Protein backbone atom coordinates (compact mmCIF):
# COMPACT_ATOMS: atom_id res chain seq x y z
CA MET A 1 0.00 0.00 0.00
CA GLU A 2 2.94 2.31 0.66
CA LYS A 3 3.86 2.56 -3.04
CA LEU A 4 0.26 3.42 -4.01
CA ILE A 5 0.10 6.10 -1.29
CA GLU A 6 3.39 7.59 -2.51
CA LYS A 7 2.01 7.82 -6.05
CA LEU A 8 -1.17 9.49 -4.81
CA GLU A 9 0.87 11.98 -2.77
CA VAL A 10 2.74 13.00 -5.92
CA ILE A 11 -0.43 13.32 -7.98
CA LEU A 12 -2.32 15.21 -5.26
CA GLU A 13 0.77 17.31 -4.42
CA VAL A 14 0.73 16.55 -0.69
CA GLN A 15 3.48 15.27 1.57
CA ASN A 16 1.37 13.16 3.89
CA ILE A 17 -1.92 11.99 2.49
CA ASP A 18 -4.87 11.84 4.84
CA LEU A 19 -6.53 8.52 4.02
CA SER A 20 -9.73 9.58 5.76
CA LYS A 21 -10.40 12.38 3.23
CA LYS A 22 -12.39 12.19 0.01
CA PHE A 23 -10.57 13.07 -3.21
CA GLU A 24 -12.64 16.24 -3.63
CA GLU A 25 -11.36 17.55 -0.28
CA PHE A 26 -7.79 17.92 -1.55
CA GLU A 27 -6.81 21.41 -2.64
CA GLU A 28 -5.26 20.16 -5.88
CA TRP A 29 -8.26 18.01 -6.88
CA ASP A 30 -9.52 18.77 -10.38
CA SER A 31 -10.27 16.93 -13.62
CA LEU A 32 -6.57 16.65 -14.54
CA THR A 33 -5.77 15.13 -11.16
CA SER A 34 -8.58 12.65 -11.67
CA LEU A 35 -7.21 11.73 -15.11
CA SER A 36 -3.73 11.28 -13.62
CA ILE A 37 -5.07 8.81 -11.06
CA ILE A 38 -7.06 6.97 -13.73
CA ALA A 39 -3.95 6.71 -15.94
CA MET A 40 -1.81 5.53 -13.02
CA LEU A 41 -4.37 2.82 -12.18
CA ASP A 42 -4.38 1.62 -15.76
CA SER A 43 -0.61 1.60 -16.25
CA ASP A 44 0.53 0.42 -12.81
CA TYR A 45 -2.36 -1.74 -11.58
CA LYS A 46 -4.16 -2.77 -14.81
CA LEU A 47 -7.43 -1.40 -13.43
CA THR A 48 -9.89 0.80 -15.27
CA THR A 49 -12.11 3.36 -13.60
CA ASN A 50 -13.61 6.77 -14.28
CA HIS A 51 -14.01 10.08 -12.49
CA LYS A 52 -17.44 9.16 -11.09
CA GLN A 53 -16.12 5.95 -9.56
CA LEU A 54 -13.18 7.79 -7.98
CA THR A 55 -15.47 10.29 -6.30
CA ASP A 56 -17.84 7.54 -5.13
CA PHE A 57 -15.26 6.13 -2.69
CA LEU A 58 -16.01 7.24 0.87
CA THR A 59 -12.32 7.87 1.57
CA VAL A 60 -8.95 7.69 -0.14
CA GLY A 61 -8.21 4.77 2.20
CA ASP A 62 -11.24 2.90 0.81
CA PHE A 63 -9.92 3.59 -2.69
CA CYS A 64 -6.48 2.22 -1.76
CA SER A 65 -8.00 -0.93 -0.27
CA PHE A 66 -10.06 -1.46 -3.42
CA VAL A 67 -7.00 -1.08 -5.66
CA LEU A 68 -4.90 -3.50 -3.65
CA GLN A 69 -7.68 -6.10 -3.52
CA ASN A 70 -8.30 -5.90 -7.27
CA GLU A 71 -4.87 -5.34 -8.79
CA ASN A 72 -3.76 -7.82 -11.45
């Protein structure tokens, strides 16, 4: 999970990600950030998603758990 969190910290431009937050609560959250996460999921974890699905997660921690449980 540490590697995924590090990637999210870079994309969201934060040093310590708060896993209890929703994506929309991050200052840098916008459509380009969403696309960056979607691209990272596809290239690094072979998962496909969309902006709506990203924002449907209750927390970033829930998102991370989902990714790790479903990675190929």
